[in-house]
Amino acid sequence: WTKEEDAALIALIEASGGGSEARWCQVGVAMEGRSAKQCRERWLNHLSPDVSKQKWTAEEDRAIIEAVALYGTRWSELVKAFPGRTDSAIKNRWNAMQRKEKRRVER
């Protein structure tokens, strides 16, 4: 996604009443070269003001470990415990922590 596409997407969403009110099919048609699903996921996972872009804290990392122990990798369940974080962000953080641990153990 380019900065210009992001700006166009934000403008379309604002014109349609905001992210929760957006008509994604119409947004997708208006965004040349992008599908409604791509537009929706770009908004929900990256552009929405509700998405936290802060660095992960040690407390959040511990909470992810506890949540995965309790719920498994059902990201749609885990996201409920992490306001501002997306299921995709939580999954990516979990996988990064697993890779880091694997490298640590292999040394």
C-alpha atoms as a PDB file:
ATOM      1  CA  TRP A   1       0.000   0.000   0.000  1.00  0.00           C
ATOM      2  CA  THR A   2       1.301   3.451  -0.905  1.00  0.00           C
ATOM      3  CA  LYS A   3       0.820   6.597   1.167  1.00  0.00           C
ATOM      4  CA  GLU A   4      -1.501   7.865  -1.568  1.00  0.00           C
ATOM      5  CA  GLU A   5      -3.634   4.707  -1.390  1.00  0.00           C
ATOM      6  CA  ASP A   6      -3.793   4.972   2.386  1.00  0.00           C
ATOM      7  CA  ALA A   7      -4.902   8.609   2.139  1.00  0.00           C
ATOM      8  CA  ALA A   8      -7.552   7.717  -0.455  1.00  0.00           C
ATOM      9  CA  LEU A   9      -8.804   4.838   1.687  1.00  0.00           C
ATOM     10  CA  ILE A  10      -9.037   7.034   4.782  1.00  0.00           C
ATOM     11  CA  ALA A  11     -10.954   9.668   2.808  1.00  0.00           C
ATOM     12  CA  LEU A  12     -13.399   7.071   1.473  1.00  0.00           C
ATOM     13  CA  ILE A  13     -13.986   5.655   4.933  1.00  0.00           C
ATOM     14  CA  GLU A  14     -14.519   9.081   6.471  1.00  0.00           C
ATOM     15  CA  ALA A  15     -16.947   9.966   3.666  1.00  0.00           C
ATOM     16  CA  SER A  16     -18.923   6.793   4.331  1.00  0.00           C
ATOM     17  CA  GLY A  17     -19.344   7.504   8.041  1.00  0.00           C
ATOM     18  CA  GLY A  18     -16.273   5.903   9.595  1.00  0.00           C
ATOM     19  CA  GLY A  19     -14.735   2.460   9.872  1.00  0.00           C
ATOM     20  CA  SER A  20     -17.630   0.747  11.619  1.00  0.00           C
ATOM     21  CA  GLU A  21     -20.123   2.227   9.165  1.00  0.00           C
ATOM     22  CA  ALA A  22     -18.079   1.779   5.992  1.00  0.00           C
ATOM     23  CA  ARG A  23     -19.657  -0.095   3.123  1.00  0.00           C
ATOM     24  CA  TRP A  24     -16.668  -2.173   2.187  1.00  0.00           C
ATOM     25  CA  CYS A  25     -17.985  -3.283  -1.207  1.00  0.00           C
ATOM     26  CA  GLN A  26     -18.388   0.338  -2.261  1.00  0.00           C
ATOM     27  CA  VAL A  27     -14.995   1.250  -0.850  1.00  0.00           C
ATOM     28  CA  GLY A  28     -13.390  -1.627  -2.768  1.00  0.00           C
ATOM     29  CA  VAL A  29     -14.998  -0.517  -6.014  1.00  0.00           C
ATOM     30  CA  ALA A  30     -13.744   3.041  -5.471  1.00  0.00           C
ATOM     31  CA  MET A  31     -10.183   1.856  -4.749  1.00  0.00           C
ATOM     32  CA  GLU A  32      -8.778   0.902  -8.127  1.00  0.00           C
ATOM     33  CA  GLY A  33      -6.686  -2.239  -7.951  1.00  0.00           C
ATOM     34  CA  ARG A  34      -7.842  -3.151  -4.430  1.00  0.00           C
ATOM     35  CA  SER A  35     -10.594  -5.480  -3.283  1.00  0.00           C
ATOM     36  CA  ALA A  36     -13.095  -4.722  -0.547  1.00  0.00           C
ATOM     37  CA  LYS A  37     -11.407  -7.330   1.641  1.00  0.00           C
ATOM     38  CA  GLN A  38      -7.999  -5.724   1.173  1.00  0.00           C
ATOM     39  CA  CYS A  39      -9.436  -2.317   2.063  1.00  0.00           C
ATOM     40  CA  ARG A  40     -11.207  -3.645   5.139  1.00  0.00           C
ATOM     41  CA  GLU A  41      -8.113  -5.466   6.396  1.00  0.00           C
ATOM     42  CA  ARG A  42      -5.861  -2.459   5.743  1.00  0.00           C
ATOM     43  CA  TRP A  43      -8.216  -0.291   7.786  1.00  0.00           C
ATOM     44  CA  LEU A  44      -8.775  -2.744  10.640  1.00  0.00           C
ATOM     45  CA  ASN A  45      -5.152  -3.860  10.989  1.00  0.00           C
ATOM     46  CA  HIS A  46      -3.203  -0.699  10.182  1.00  0.00           C
ATOM     47  CA  LEU A  47      -5.035   2.577   9.649  1.00  0.00           C
ATOM     48  CA  SER A  48      -7.831   2.637  12.211  1.00  0.00           C
ATOM     49  CA  PRO A  49      -7.142   5.052  15.072  1.00  0.00           C
ATOM     50  CA  ASP A  50      -8.179   2.226  17.416  1.00  0.00           C
ATOM     51  CA  VAL A  51      -5.090   0.172  16.460  1.00  0.00           C
ATOM     52  CA  SER A  52      -2.196   0.481  18.904  1.00  0.00           C
ATOM     53  CA  LYS A  53       1.165   0.986  17.255  1.00  0.00           C
ATOM     54  CA  GLN A  54       3.055   1.119  20.559  1.00  0.00           C
ATOM     55  CA  LYS A  55       5.935  -1.255  21.247  1.00  0.00           C
ATOM     56  CA  TRP A  56       4.942  -4.458  22.973  1.00  0.00           C
ATOM     57  CA  THR A  57       5.548  -4.385  26.700  1.00  0.00           C
ATOM     58  CA  ALA A  58       6.918  -7.183  28.862  1.00  0.00           C
ATOM     59  CA  GLU A  59       3.531  -7.231  30.604  1.00  0.00           C
ATOM     60  CA  GLU A  60       1.745  -7.775  27.268  1.00  0.00           C
ATOM     61  CA  ASP A  61       4.198 -10.546  26.381  1.00  0.00           C
ATOM     62  CA  ARG A  62       3.457 -12.304  29.685  1.00  0.00           C
ATOM     63  CA  ALA A  63      -0.269 -11.849  29.089  1.00  0.00           C
ATOM     64  CA  ILE A  64       0.018 -13.422  25.615  1.00  0.00           C
ATOM     65  CA  ILE A  65       1.844 -16.425  27.062  1.00  0.00           C
ATOM     66  CA  GLU A  66      -0.847 -16.840  29.729  1.00  0.00           C
ATOM     67  CA  ALA A  67      -3.678 -16.376  27.229  1.00  0.00           C
ATOM     68  CA  VAL A  68      -2.219 -18.941  24.802  1.00  0.00           C
ATOM     69  CA  ALA A  69      -1.824 -21.379  27.698  1.00  0.00           C
ATOM     70  CA  LEU A  70      -5.479 -20.827  28.569  1.00  0.00           C
ATOM     71  CA  TYR A  71      -7.140 -20.541  25.130  1.00  0.00           C
ATOM     72  CA  GLY A  72      -4.586 -21.963  22.731  1.00  0.00           C
ATOM     73  CA  THR A  73      -3.961 -20.063  19.516  1.00  0.00           C
ATOM     74  CA  ARG A  74      -7.541 -18.929  19.016  1.00  0.00           C
ATOM     75  CA  TRP A  75      -6.533 -15.388  18.103  1.00  0.00           C
ATOM     76  CA  SER A  76     -10.124 -14.155  17.853  1.00  0.00           C
ATOM     77  CA  GLU A  77     -10.532 -15.062  21.548  1.00  0.00           C
ATOM     78  CA  LEU A  78      -7.203 -13.639  22.635  1.00  0.00           C
ATOM     79  CA  VAL A  79      -7.830 -10.277  20.991  1.00  0.00           C
ATOM     80  CA  LYS A  80     -10.599  -9.586  23.518  1.00  0.00           C
ATOM     81  CA  ALA A  81      -7.984  -9.288  26.260  1.00  0.00           C
ATOM     82  CA  PHE A  82      -5.801  -6.835  24.323  1.00  0.00           C
ATOM     83  CA  PRO A  83      -7.652  -3.595  23.528  1.00  0.00           C
ATOM     84  CA  GLY A  84      -6.030  -1.778  20.638  1.00  0.00           C
ATOM     85  CA  ARG A  85      -4.178  -4.839  19.403  1.00  0.00           C
ATOM     86  CA  THR A  86      -5.403  -6.810  16.408  1.00  0.00           C
ATOM     87  CA  ASP A  87      -5.608 -10.581  16.202  1.00  0.00           C
ATOM     88  CA  SER A  88      -2.983 -10.428  13.477  1.00  0.00           C
ATOM     89  CA  ALA A  89      -0.636  -8.344  15.649  1.00  0.00           C
ATOM     90  CA  ILE A  90      -1.039 -10.734  18.585  1.00  0.00           C
ATOM     91  CA  LYS A  91      -0.401 -13.752  16.356  1.00  0.00           C
ATOM     92  CA  ASN A  92       2.684 -12.100  14.853  1.00  0.00           C
ATOM     93  CA  ARG A  93       4.007 -11.205  18.305  1.00  0.00           C
ATOM     94  CA  TRP A  94       3.446 -14.768  19.537  1.00  0.00           C
ATOM     95  CA  ASN A  95       5.263 -16.224  16.530  1.00  0.00           C
ATOM     96  CA  ALA A  96       8.156 -13.772  16.979  1.00  0.00           C
ATOM     97  CA  MET A  97       8.456 -14.762  20.647  1.00  0.00           C
ATOM     98  CA  GLN A  98       8.485 -18.439  19.646  1.00  0.00           C
ATOM     99  CA  ARG A  99      11.239 -17.884  17.055  1.00  0.00           C
ATOM    100  CA  LYS A 100      13.299 -15.908  19.576  1.00  0.00           C
ATOM    101  CA  GLU A 101      12.937 -18.674  22.174  1.00  0.00           C
ATOM    102  CA  LYS A 102      13.854 -21.350  19.613  1.00  0.00           C
ATOM    103  CA  ARG A 103      17.038 -19.456  18.681  1.00  0.00           C
ATOM    104  CA  ARG A 104      17.897 -19.024  22.368  1.00  0.00           C
ATOM    105  CA  VAL A 105      17.510 -22.749  23.032  1.00  0.00           C
ATOM    106  CA  GLU A 106      19.580 -23.690  19.971  1.00  0.00           C
ATOM    107  CA  ARG A 107      22.581 -21.669  21.171  1.00  0.00           C
END
